[in-house]
Amino acid sequence: VTSKAGTDLSVAMEGASTVGIWGWCDRPGSVAHWPAGLVVSFPKAG
């Protein structure tokens, strides 16, 4: 992740848990939230 403001970030993604939320849950055991429309990853330690 970089930016003109000075961001220069590196994230190791191997082993990360990634979820996407589109705003509804139509399958057993699924979870969603409203408002939605985003994707997030929880990286492993370090």
ModelCIF file with pLDDT and N, C-alpha, C, O atoms, coordinates in Angstrom:
data_MODEL
#
_entry.id   MODEL 
#
_entity.id                         1 
_entity.type                       polymer 
_entity.pdbx_number_of_molecules   1 
#
_entity_poly.entity_id                      1 
_entity_poly.type                           'polypeptide(L)' 
_entity_poly.nstd_linkage                   no 
_entity_poly.nstd_monomer                   no 
_entity_poly.pdbx_seq_one_letter_code       VTSKAGTDLSVAMEGASTVGIWGWCDRPGSVAHWPAGLVVSFPKAG 
_entity_poly.pdbx_seq_one_letter_code_can   VTSKAGTDLSVAMEGASTVGIWGWCDRPGSVAHWPAGLVVSFPKAG 
_entity_poly.pdbx_strand_id                 A 
#
loop_
_entity_poly_seq.entity_id 
_entity_poly_seq.num 
_entity_poly_seq.mon_id 
_entity_poly_seq.hetero 
1 1  VAL n 
1 2  THR n 
1 3  SER n 
1 4  LYS n 
1 5  ALA n 
1 6  GLY n 
1 7  THR n 
1 8  ASP n 
1 9  LEU n 
1 10 SER n 
1 11 VAL n 
1 12 ALA n 
1 13 MET n 
1 14 GLU n 
1 15 GLY n 
1 16 ALA n 
1 17 SER n 
1 18 THR n 
1 19 VAL n 
1 20 GLY n 
1 21 ILE n 
1 22 TRP n 
1 23 GLY n 
1 24 TRP n 
1 25 CYS n 
1 26 ASP n 
1 27 ARG n 
1 28 PRO n 
1 29 GLY n 
1 30 SER n 
1 31 VAL n 
1 32 ALA n 
1 33 HIS n 
1 34 TRP n 
1 35 PRO n 
1 36 ALA n 
1 37 GLY n 
1 38 LEU n 
1 39 VAL n 
1 40 VAL n 
1 41 SER n 
1 42 PHE n 
1 43 PRO n 
1 44 LYS n 
1 45 ALA n 
1 46 GLY n 
#
_struct_asym.id          A 
_struct_asym.entity_id   1 
#
loop_
_ma_qa_metric.id 
_ma_qa_metric.mode 
_ma_qa_metric.name 
_ma_qa_metric.software_group_id 
_ma_qa_metric.type 
1 global pLDDT . pLDDT 
2 local  pLDDT . pLDDT 
#
_ma_qa_metric_global.metric_id      1 
_ma_qa_metric_global.metric_value   96.76 
_ma_qa_metric_global.model_id       1 
_ma_qa_metric_global.ordinal_id     1 
#
loop_
_ma_qa_metric_local.label_asym_id 
_ma_qa_metric_local.label_comp_id 
_ma_qa_metric_local.label_seq_id 
_ma_qa_metric_local.metric_id 
_ma_qa_metric_local.metric_value 
_ma_qa_metric_local.model_id 
_ma_qa_metric_local.ordinal_id 
A VAL 1  2 98.00 1 1  
A THR 2  2 98.00 1 2  
A SER 3  2 98.00 1 3  
A LYS 4  2 97.00 1 4  
A ALA 5  2 97.00 1 5  
A GLY 6  2 98.00 1 6  
A THR 7  2 98.00 1 7  
A ASP 8  2 98.00 1 8  
A LEU 9  2 98.00 1 9  
A SER 10 2 98.00 1 10 
A VAL 11 2 98.00 1 11 
A ALA 12 2 98.00 1 12 
A MET 13 2 98.00 1 13 
A GLU 14 2 96.00 1 14 
A GLY 15 2 95.00 1 15 
A ALA 16 2 97.00 1 16 
A SER 17 2 96.00 1 17 
A THR 18 2 97.00 1 18 
A VAL 19 2 95.00 1 19 
A GLY 20 2 96.00 1 20 
A ILE 21 2 95.00 1 21 
A TRP 22 2 96.00 1 22 
A GLY 23 2 96.00 1 23 
A TRP 24 2 97.00 1 24 
A CYS 25 2 96.00 1 25 
A ASP 26 2 96.00 1 26 
A ARG 27 2 96.00 1 27 
A PRO 28 2 97.00 1 28 
A GLY 29 2 97.00 1 29 
A SER 30 2 96.00 1 30 
A VAL 31 2 95.00 1 31 
A ALA 32 2 96.00 1 32 
A HIS 33 2 95.00 1 33 
A TRP 34 2 97.00 1 34 
A PRO 35 2 96.00 1 35 
A ALA 36 2 96.00 1 36 
A GLY 37 2 96.00 1 37 
A LEU 38 2 97.00 1 38 
A VAL 39 2 98.00 1 39 
A VAL 40 2 97.00 1 40 
A SER 41 2 98.00 1 41 
A PHE 42 2 97.00 1 42 
A PRO 43 2 97.00 1 43 
A LYS 44 2 97.00 1 44 
A ALA 45 2 96.00 1 45 
A GLY 46 2 97.00 1 46 
#
loop_
_atom_site.group_PDB 
_atom_site.id 
_atom_site.type_symbol 
_atom_site.label_atom_id 
_atom_site.label_alt_id 
_atom_site.label_comp_id 
_atom_site.label_asym_id 
_atom_site.label_entity_id 
_atom_site.label_seq_id 
_atom_site.pdbx_PDB_ins_code 
_atom_site.Cartn_x 
_atom_site.Cartn_y 
_atom_site.Cartn_z 
_atom_site.occupancy 
_atom_site.B_iso_or_equiv 
_atom_site.pdbx_formal_charge 
_atom_site.auth_seq_id 
_atom_site.auth_comp_id 
_atom_site.auth_asym_id 
_atom_site.auth_atom_id 
_atom_site.pdbx_PDB_model_num 
ATOM 1   N N  . VAL A 1 1  ? 0.857   -1.184  0.000  1.00 98.00 ? 1  VAL A N  1 
ATOM 2   C CA . VAL A 1 1  ? 0.000   0.000   0.000  1.00 98.00 ? 1  VAL A CA 1 
ATOM 3   C C  . VAL A 1 1  ? 0.891   1.230   0.000  1.00 98.00 ? 1  VAL A C  1 
ATOM 4   O O  . VAL A 1 1  ? 1.729   1.395   0.887  1.00 98.00 ? 1  VAL A O  1 
ATOM 5   N N  . THR A 1 2  ? 0.714   2.091   -0.989 1.00 98.00 ? 2  THR A N  1 
ATOM 6   C CA . THR A 1 2  ? 1.495   3.319   -1.086 1.00 98.00 ? 2  THR A CA 1 
ATOM 7   C C  . THR A 1 2  ? 0.562   4.492   -1.349 1.00 98.00 ? 2  THR A C  1 
ATOM 8   O O  . THR A 1 2  ? -0.577  4.316   -1.781 1.00 98.00 ? 2  THR A O  1 
ATOM 9   N N  . SER A 1 3  ? 1.065   5.690   -1.081 1.00 98.00 ? 3  SER A N  1 
ATOM 10  C CA . SER A 1 3  ? 0.268   6.895   -1.370 1.00 98.00 ? 3  SER A CA 1 
ATOM 11  C C  . SER A 1 3  ? 1.191   8.086   -1.525 1.00 98.00 ? 3  SER A C  1 
ATOM 12  O O  . SER A 1 3  ? 2.338   8.056   -1.077 1.00 98.00 ? 3  SER A O  1 
ATOM 13  N N  . LYS A 1 4  ? 0.690   9.135   -2.160 1.00 97.00 ? 4  LYS A N  1 
ATOM 14  C CA . LYS A 1 4  ? 1.451   10.373  -2.315 1.00 97.00 ? 4  LYS A CA 1 
ATOM 15  C C  . LYS A 1 4  ? 1.669   11.053  -0.970 1.00 97.00 ? 4  LYS A C  1 
ATOM 16  O O  . LYS A 1 4  ? 2.594   11.851  -0.821 1.00 97.00 ? 4  LYS A O  1 
ATOM 17  N N  . ALA A 1 5  ? 0.824   10.742  0.012  1.00 97.00 ? 5  ALA A N  1 
ATOM 18  C CA . ALA A 1 5  ? 0.985   11.323  1.342  1.00 97.00 ? 5  ALA A CA 1 
ATOM 19  C C  . ALA A 1 5  ? 2.154   10.705  2.094  1.00 97.00 ? 5  ALA A C  1 
ATOM 20  O O  . ALA A 1 5  ? 2.610   11.269  3.089  1.00 97.00 ? 5  ALA A O  1 
ATOM 21  N N  . GLY A 1 6  ? 2.650   9.550   1.637  1.00 98.00 ? 6  GLY A N  1 
ATOM 22  C CA . GLY A 1 6  ? 3.804   8.933   2.270  1.00 98.00 ? 6  GLY A CA 1 
ATOM 23  C C  . GLY A 1 6  ? 3.593   7.540   2.807  1.00 98.00 ? 6  GLY A C  1 
ATOM 24  O O  . GLY A 1 6  ? 4.501   6.974   3.416  1.00 98.00 ? 6  GLY A O  1 
ATOM 25  N N  . THR A 1 7  ? 2.416   6.967   2.599  1.00 98.00 ? 7  THR A N  1 
ATOM 26  C CA . THR A 1 7  ? 2.204   5.581   3.028  1.00 98.00 ? 7  THR A CA 1 
ATOM 27  C C  . THR A 1 7  ? 3.090   4.639   2.236  1.00 98.00 ? 7  THR A C  1 
ATOM 28  O O  . THR A 1 7  ? 3.191   4.740   1.013  1.00 98.00 ? 7  THR A O  1 
ATOM 29  N N  . ASP A 1 8  ? 3.729   3.724   2.943  1.00 98.00 ? 8  ASP A N  1 
ATOM 30  C CA . ASP A 1 8  ? 4.545   2.688   2.312  1.00 98.00 ? 8  ASP A CA 1 
ATOM 31  C C  . ASP A 1 8  ? 4.474   1.471   3.229  1.00 98.00 ? 8  ASP A C  1 
ATOM 32  O O  . ASP A 1 8  ? 5.287   1.310   4.138  1.00 98.00 ? 8  ASP A O  1 
ATOM 33  N N  . LEU A 1 9  ? 3.487   0.622   2.970  1.00 98.00 ? 9  LEU A N  1 
ATOM 34  C CA . LEU A 1 9  ? 3.144   -0.472  3.877  1.00 98.00 ? 9  LEU A CA 1 
ATOM 35  C C  . LEU A 1 9  ? 3.243   -1.793  3.138  1.00 98.00 ? 9  LEU A C  1 
ATOM 36  O O  . LEU A 1 9  ? 2.837   -1.896  1.981  1.00 98.00 ? 9  LEU A O  1 
ATOM 37  N N  . SER A 1 10 ? 3.783   -2.802  3.805  1.00 98.00 ? 10 SER A N  1 
ATOM 38  C CA . SER A 1 10 ? 3.816   -4.141  3.236  1.00 98.00 ? 10 SER A CA 1 
ATOM 39  C C  . SER A 1 10 ? 3.107   -5.104  4.182  1.00 98.00 ? 10 SER A C  1 
ATOM 40  O O  . SER A 1 10 ? 3.267   -5.034  5.401  1.00 98.00 ? 10 SER A O  1 
ATOM 41  N N  . VAL A 1 11 ? 2.320   -6.006  3.595  1.00 98.00 ? 11 VAL A N  1 
ATOM 42  C CA . VAL A 1 11 ? 1.540   -6.972  4.369  1.00 98.00 ? 11 VAL A CA 1 
ATOM 43  C C  . VAL A 1 11 ? 1.772   -8.353  3.774  1.00 98.00 ? 11 VAL A C  1 
ATOM 44  O O  . VAL A 1 11 ? 1.465   -8.590  2.606  1.00 98.00 ? 11 VAL A O  1 
ATOM 45  N N  . ALA A 1 12 ? 2.311   -9.259  4.572  1.00 98.00 ? 12 ALA A N  1 
ATOM 46  C CA . ALA A 1 12 ? 2.429   -10.649 4.143  1.00 98.00 ? 12 ALA A CA 1 
ATOM 47  C C  . ALA A 1 12 ? 1.051   -11.295 4.242  1.00 98.00 ? 12 ALA A C  1 
ATOM 48  O O  . ALA A 1 12 ? 0.445   -11.304 5.314  1.00 98.00 ? 12 ALA A O  1 
ATOM 49  N N  . MET A 1 13 ? 0.555   -11.834 3.134  1.00 98.00 ? 13 MET A N  1 
ATOM 50  C CA . MET A 1 13 ? -0.816  -12.315 3.069  1.00 98.00 ? 13 MET A CA 1 
ATOM 51  C C  . MET A 1 13 ? -0.944  -13.824 3.234  1.00 98.00 ? 13 MET A C  1 
ATOM 52  O O  . MET A 1 13 ? -2.058  -14.329 3.368  1.00 98.00 ? 13 MET A O  1 
ATOM 53  N N  . GLU A 1 14 ? 0.153   -14.545 3.227  1.00 96.00 ? 14 GLU A N  1 
ATOM 54  C CA . GLU A 1 14 ? 0.070   -15.988 3.406  1.00 96.00 ? 14 GLU A CA 1 
ATOM 55  C C  . GLU A 1 14 ? -0.457  -16.299 4.807  1.00 96.00 ? 14 GLU A C  1 
ATOM 56  O O  . GLU A 1 14 ? 0.080   -15.819 5.805  1.00 96.00 ? 14 GLU A O  1 
ATOM 57  N N  . GLY A 1 15 ? -1.504  -17.100 4.865  1.00 95.00 ? 15 GLY A N  1 
ATOM 58  C CA . GLY A 1 15 ? -2.113  -17.442 6.140  1.00 95.00 ? 15 GLY A CA 1 
ATOM 59  C C  . GLY A 1 15 ? -3.123  -16.442 6.646  1.00 95.00 ? 15 GLY A C  1 
ATOM 60  O O  . GLY A 1 15 ? -3.708  -16.647 7.710  1.00 95.00 ? 15 GLY A O  1 
ATOM 61  N N  . ALA A 1 16 ? -3.350  -15.348 5.905  1.00 97.00 ? 16 ALA A N  1 
ATOM 62  C CA . ALA A 1 16 ? -4.358  -14.364 6.322  1.00 97.00 ? 16 ALA A CA 1 
ATOM 63  C C  . ALA A 1 16 ? -5.761  -14.919 6.128  1.00 97.00 ? 16 ALA A C  1 
ATOM 64  O O  . ALA A 1 16 ? -6.000  -15.744 5.246  1.00 97.00 ? 16 ALA A O  1 
ATOM 65  N N  . SER A 1 17 ? -6.679  -14.462 6.957  1.00 96.00 ? 17 SER A N  1 
ATOM 66  C CA . SER A 1 17 ? -8.090  -14.809 6.795  1.00 96.00 ? 17 SER A CA 1 
ATOM 67  C C  . SER A 1 17 ? -8.806  -13.641 6.135  1.00 96.00 ? 17 SER A C  1 
ATOM 68  O O  . SER A 1 17 ? -8.807  -12.528 6.662  1.00 96.00 ? 17 SER A O  1 
ATOM 69  N N  . THR A 1 18 ? -9.415  -13.893 4.980  1.00 97.00 ? 18 THR A N  1 
ATOM 70  C CA . THR A 1 18 ? -10.040 -12.831 4.189  1.00 97.00 ? 18 THR A CA 1 
ATOM 71  C C  . THR A 1 18 ? -11.529 -13.075 4.045  1.00 97.00 ? 18 THR A C  1 
ATOM 72  O O  . THR A 1 18 ? -11.965 -14.189 3.754  1.00 97.00 ? 18 THR A O  1 
ATOM 73  N N  . VAL A 1 19 ? -12.302 -12.023 4.252  1.00 95.00 ? 19 VAL A N  1 
ATOM 74  C CA . VAL A 1 19 ? -13.755 -12.118 4.109  1.00 95.00 ? 19 VAL A CA 1 
ATOM 75  C C  . VAL A 1 19 ? -14.253 -10.948 3.264  1.00 95.00 ? 19 VAL A C  1 
ATOM 76  O O  . VAL A 1 19 ? -13.682 -9.857  3.287  1.00 95.00 ? 19 VAL A O  1 
ATOM 77  N N  . GLY A 1 20 ? -15.312 -11.193 2.529  1.00 96.00 ? 20 GLY A N  1 
ATOM 78  C CA . GLY A 1 20 ? -15.990 -10.150 1.777  1.00 96.00 ? 20 GLY A CA 1 
ATOM 79  C C  . GLY A 1 20 ? -17.436 -10.041 2.237  1.00 96.00 ? 20 GLY A C  1 
ATOM 80  O O  . GLY A 1 20 ? -18.092 -11.046 2.510  1.00 96.00 ? 20 GLY A O  1 
ATOM 81  N N  . ILE A 1 21 ? -17.915 -8.825  2.317  1.00 95.00 ? 21 ILE A N  1 
ATOM 82  C CA . ILE A 1 21 ? -19.290 -8.582  2.782  1.00 95.00 ? 21 ILE A CA 1 
ATOM 83  C C  . ILE A 1 21 ? -20.043 -7.852  1.681  1.00 95.00 ? 21 ILE A C  1 
ATOM 84  O O  . ILE A 1 21 ? -19.662 -6.754  1.277  1.00 95.00 ? 21 ILE A O  1 
ATOM 85  N N  . TRP A 1 22 ? -21.138 -8.483  1.190  1.00 96.00 ? 22 TRP A N  1 
ATOM 86  C CA . TRP A 1 22 ? -21.932 -7.840  0.145  1.00 96.00 ? 22 TRP A CA 1 
ATOM 87  C C  . TRP A 1 22 ? -23.324 -7.457  0.639  1.00 96.00 ? 22 TRP A C  1 
ATOM 88  O O  . TRP A 1 22 ? -24.093 -6.873  -0.125 1.00 96.00 ? 22 TRP A O  1 
ATOM 89  N N  . GLY A 1 23 ? -23.674 -7.764  1.887  1.00 96.00 ? 23 GLY A N  1 
ATOM 90  C CA . GLY A 1 23 ? -24.858 -7.154  2.468  1.00 96.00 ? 23 GLY A CA 1 
ATOM 91  C C  . GLY A 1 23 ? -26.013 -8.065  2.809  1.00 96.00 ? 23 GLY A C  1 
ATOM 92  O O  . GLY A 1 23 ? -27.015 -7.601  3.353  1.00 96.00 ? 23 GLY A O  1 
ATOM 93  N N  . TRP A 1 24 ? -25.908 -9.348  2.506  1.00 97.00 ? 24 TRP A N  1 
ATOM 94  C CA . TRP A 1 24 ? -26.989 -10.253 2.899  1.00 97.00 ? 24 TRP A CA 1 
ATOM 95  C C  . TRP A 1 24 ? -26.415 -11.651 3.125  1.00 97.00 ? 24 TRP A C  1 
ATOM 96  O O  . TRP A 1 24 ? -25.332 -11.981 2.642  1.00 97.00 ? 24 TRP A O  1 
ATOM 97  N N  . CYS A 1 25 ? -27.161 -12.461 3.867  1.00 96.00 ? 25 CYS A N  1 
ATOM 98  C CA . CYS A 1 25 ? -26.732 -13.828 4.189  1.00 96.00 ? 25 CYS A CA 1 
ATOM 99  C C  . CYS A 1 25 ? -27.849 -14.780 3.770  1.00 96.00 ? 25 CYS A C  1 
ATOM 100 O O  . CYS A 1 25 ? -28.941 -14.749 4.338  1.00 96.00 ? 25 CYS A O  1 
ATOM 101 N N  . ASP A 1 26 ? -27.582 -15.609 2.795  1.00 96.00 ? 26 ASP A N  1 
ATOM 102 C CA . ASP A 1 26 ? -28.618 -16.496 2.273  1.00 96.00 ? 26 ASP A CA 1 
ATOM 103 C C  . ASP A 1 26 ? -28.237 -17.966 2.371  1.00 96.00 ? 26 ASP A C  1 
ATOM 104 O O  . ASP A 1 26 ? -28.963 -18.827 1.873  1.00 96.00 ? 26 ASP A O  1 
ATOM 105 N N  . ARG A 1 27 ? -27.100 -18.266 3.010  1.00 96.00 ? 27 ARG A N  1 
ATOM 106 C CA . ARG A 1 27 ? -26.675 -19.650 3.177  1.00 96.00 ? 27 ARG A CA 1 
ATOM 107 C C  . ARG A 1 27 ? -26.612 -19.996 4.658  1.00 96.00 ? 27 ARG A C  1 
ATOM 108 O O  . ARG A 1 27 ? -26.285 -19.130 5.470  1.00 96.00 ? 27 ARG A O  1 
ATOM 109 N N  . PRO A 1 28 ? -26.918 -21.246 5.037  1.00 97.00 ? 28 PRO A N  1 
ATOM 110 C CA . PRO A 1 28 ? -26.828 -21.633 6.451  1.00 97.00 ? 28 PRO A CA 1 
ATOM 111 C C  . PRO A 1 28 ? -25.449 -21.332 7.031  1.00 97.00 ? 28 PRO A C  1 
ATOM 112 O O  . PRO A 1 28 ? -24.426 -21.634 6.415  1.00 97.00 ? 28 PRO A O  1 
ATOM 113 N N  . GLY A 1 29 ? -25.432 -20.736 8.215  1.00 97.00 ? 29 GLY A N  1 
ATOM 114 C CA . GLY A 1 29 ? -24.186 -20.439 8.885  1.00 97.00 ? 29 GLY A CA 1 
ATOM 115 C C  . GLY A 1 29 ? -23.446 -19.227 8.369  1.00 97.00 ? 29 GLY A C  1 
ATOM 116 O O  . GLY A 1 29 ? -22.313 -18.983 8.784  1.00 97.00 ? 29 GLY A O  1 
ATOM 117 N N  . SER A 1 30 ? -24.057 -18.451 7.466  1.00 96.00 ? 30 SER A N  1 
ATOM 118 C CA . SER A 1 30 ? -23.367 -17.283 6.913  1.00 96.00 ? 30 SER A CA 1 
ATOM 119 C C  . SER A 1 30 ? -23.665 -16.038 7.737  1.00 96.00 ? 30 SER A C  1 
ATOM 120 O O  . SER A 1 30 ? -24.674 -15.961 8.436  1.00 96.00 ? 30 SER A O  1 
ATOM 121 N N  . VAL A 1 31 ? -22.759 -15.062 7.638  1.00 95.00 ? 31 VAL A N  1 
ATOM 122 C CA . VAL A 1 31 ? -22.839 -13.818 8.407  1.00 95.00 ? 31 VAL A CA 1 
ATOM 123 C C  . VAL A 1 31 ? -22.621 -12.657 7.454  1.00 95.00 ? 31 VAL A C  1 
ATOM 124 O O  . VAL A 1 31 ? -21.742 -12.714 6.594  1.00 95.00 ? 31 VAL A O  1 
ATOM 125 N N  . ALA A 1 32 ? -23.406 -11.619 7.599  1.00 96.00 ? 32 ALA A N  1 
ATOM 126 C CA . ALA A 1 32 ? -23.249 -10.421 6.769  1.00 96.00 ? 32 ALA A CA 1 
ATOM 127 C C  . ALA A 1 32 ? -23.622 -9.196  7.580  1.00 96.00 ? 32 ALA A C  1 
ATOM 128 O O  . ALA A 1 32 ? -24.208 -9.296  8.658  1.00 96.00 ? 32 ALA A O  1 
ATOM 129 N N  . HIS A 1 33 ? -23.271 -8.038  7.041  1.00 95.00 ? 33 HIS A N  1 
ATOM 130 C CA . HIS A 1 33 ? -23.767 -6.805  7.663  1.00 95.00 ? 33 HIS A CA 1 
ATOM 131 C C  . HIS A 1 33 ? -24.222 -5.828  6.592  1.00 95.00 ? 33 HIS A C  1 
ATOM 132 O O  . HIS A 1 33 ? -23.786 -5.871  5.442  1.00 95.00 ? 33 HIS A O  1 
ATOM 133 N N  . TRP A 1 34 ? -25.101 -4.961  7.011  1.00 97.00 ? 34 TRP A N  1 
ATOM 134 C CA . TRP A 1 34 ? -25.677 -3.914  6.159  1.00 97.00 ? 34 TRP A CA 1 
ATOM 135 C C  . TRP A 1 34 ? -25.537 -2.589  6.898  1.00 97.00 ? 34 TRP A C  1 
ATOM 136 O O  . TRP A 1 34 ? -25.995 -2.489  8.036  1.00 97.00 ? 34 TRP A O  1 
ATOM 137 N N  . PRO A 1 35 ? -24.923 -1.563  6.302  1.00 96.00 ? 35 PRO A N  1 
ATOM 138 C CA . PRO A 1 35 ? -24.379 -1.432  4.962  1.00 96.00 ? 35 PRO A CA 1 
ATOM 139 C C  . PRO A 1 35 ? -23.174 -2.343  4.735  1.00 96.00 ? 35 PRO A C  1 
ATOM 140 O O  . PRO A 1 35 ? -22.547 -2.830  5.676  1.00 96.00 ? 35 PRO A O  1 
ATOM 141 N N  . ALA A 1 36 ? -22.872 -2.557  3.444  1.00 96.00 ? 36 ALA A N  1 
ATOM 142 C CA . ALA A 1 36 ? -21.825 -3.503  3.084  1.00 96.00 ? 36 ALA A CA 1 
ATOM 143 C C  . ALA A 1 36 ? -21.065 -2.992  1.872  1.00 96.00 ? 36 ALA A C  1 
ATOM 144 O O  . ALA A 1 36 ? -21.148 -1.822  1.501  1.00 96.00 ? 36 ALA A O  1 
ATOM 145 N N  . GLY A 1 37 ? -20.315 -3.918  1.265  1.00 96.00 ? 37 GLY A N  1 
ATOM 146 C CA . GLY A 1 37 ? -19.534 -3.593  0.090  1.00 96.00 ? 37 GLY A CA 1 
ATOM 147 C C  . GLY A 1 37 ? -18.081 -3.342  0.429  1.00 96.00 ? 37 GLY A C  1 
ATOM 148 O O  . GLY A 1 37 ? -17.559 -2.261  0.158  1.00 96.00 ? 37 GLY A O  1 
ATOM 149 N N  . LEU A 1 38 ? -17.416 -4.335  1.023  1.00 97.00 ? 38 LEU A N  1 
ATOM 150 C CA . LEU A 1 38 ? -16.000 -4.206  1.355  1.00 97.00 ? 38 LEU A CA 1 
ATOM 151 C C  . LEU A 1 38 ? -15.384 -5.578  1.523  1.00 97.00 ? 38 LEU A C  1 
ATOM 152 O O  . LEU A 1 38 ? -16.085 -6.580  1.661  1.00 97.00 ? 38 LEU A O  1 
ATOM 153 N N  . VAL A 1 39 ? -14.063 -5.607  1.508  1.00 98.00 ? 39 VAL A N  1 
ATOM 154 C CA . VAL A 1 39 ? -13.313 -6.836  1.706  1.00 98.00 ? 39 VAL A CA 1 
ATOM 155 C C  . VAL A 1 39 ? -12.201 -6.537  2.694  1.00 98.00 ? 39 VAL A C  1 
ATOM 156 O O  . VAL A 1 39 ? -11.518 -5.519  2.575  1.00 98.00 ? 39 VAL A O  1 
ATOM 157 N N  . VAL A 1 40 ? -12.013 -7.425  3.677  1.00 97.00 ? 40 VAL A N  1 
ATOM 158 C CA . VAL A 1 40 ? -10.975 -7.208  4.692  1.00 97.00 ? 40 VAL A CA 1 
ATOM 159 C C  . VAL A 1 40 ? -10.226 -8.506  4.949  1.00 97.00 ? 40 VAL A C  1 
ATOM 160 O O  . VAL A 1 40 ? -10.773 -9.600  4.816  1.00 97.00 ? 40 VAL A O  1 
ATOM 161 N N  . SER A 1 41 ? -8.954  -8.353  5.323  1.00 98.00 ? 41 SER A N  1 
ATOM 162 C CA . SER A 1 41 ? -8.096  -9.494  5.639  1.00 98.00 ? 41 SER A CA 1 
ATOM 163 C C  . SER A 1 41 ? -7.498  -9.302  7.027  1.00 98.00 ? 41 SER A C  1 
ATOM 164 O O  . SER A 1 41 ? -7.106  -8.200  7.410  1.00 98.00 ? 41 SER A O  1 
ATOM 165 N N  . PHE A 1 42 ? -7.438  -10.405 7.769  1.00 97.00 ? 42 PHE A N  1 
ATOM 166 C CA . PHE A 1 42 ? -6.823  -10.433 9.081  1.00 97.00 ? 42 PHE A CA 1 
ATOM 167 C C  . PHE A 1 42 ? -5.494  -11.187 8.941  1.00 97.00 ? 42 PHE A C  1 
ATOM 168 O O  . PHE A 1 42 ? -5.485  -12.417 8.912  1.00 97.00 ? 42 PHE A O  1 
ATOM 169 N N  . PRO A 1 43 ? -4.379  -10.463 8.855  1.00 97.00 ? 43 PRO A N  1 
ATOM 170 C CA . PRO A 1 43 ? -3.093  -11.142 8.639  1.00 97.00 ? 43 PRO A CA 1 
ATOM 171 C C  . PRO A 1 43 ? -2.665  -11.931 9.867  1.00 97.00 ? 43 PRO A C  1 
ATOM 172 O O  . PRO A 1 43 ? -3.054  -11.623 10.994 1.00 97.00 ? 43 PRO A O  1 
ATOM 173 N N  . LYS A 1 44 ? -1.853  -12.959 9.622  1.00 97.00 ? 44 LYS A N  1 
ATOM 174 C CA . LYS A 1 44 ? -1.288  -13.699 10.746 1.00 97.00 ? 44 LYS A CA 1 
ATOM 175 C C  . LYS A 1 44 ? -0.243  -12.824 11.441 1.00 97.00 ? 44 LYS A C  1 
ATOM 176 O O  . LYS A 1 44 ? 0.141   -11.780 10.914 1.00 97.00 ? 44 LYS A O  1 
ATOM 177 N N  . ALA A 1 45 ? 0.210   -13.243 12.608 1.00 96.00 ? 45 ALA A N  1 
ATOM 178 C CA . ALA A 1 45 ? 1.113   -12.440 13.426 1.00 96.00 ? 45 ALA A CA 1 
ATOM 179 C C  . ALA A 1 45 ? 2.415   -12.133 12.691 1.00 96.00 ? 45 ALA A C  1 
ATOM 180 O O  . ALA A 1 45 ? 2.956   -12.972 11.969 1.00 96.00 ? 45 ALA A O  1 
ATOM 181 N N  . GLY A 1 46 ? 2.901   -10.912 12.893 1.00 97.00 ? 46 GLY A N  1 
ATOM 182 C CA . GLY A 1 46 ? 4.182   -10.503 12.335 1.00 97.00 ? 46 GLY A CA 1 
ATOM 183 C C  . GLY A 1 46 ? 4.166   -10.205 10.865 1.00 97.00 ? 46 GLY A C  1 
ATOM 184 O O  . GLY A 1 46 ? 5.199   -9.850  10.296 1.00 97.00 ? 46 GLY A O  1 
#
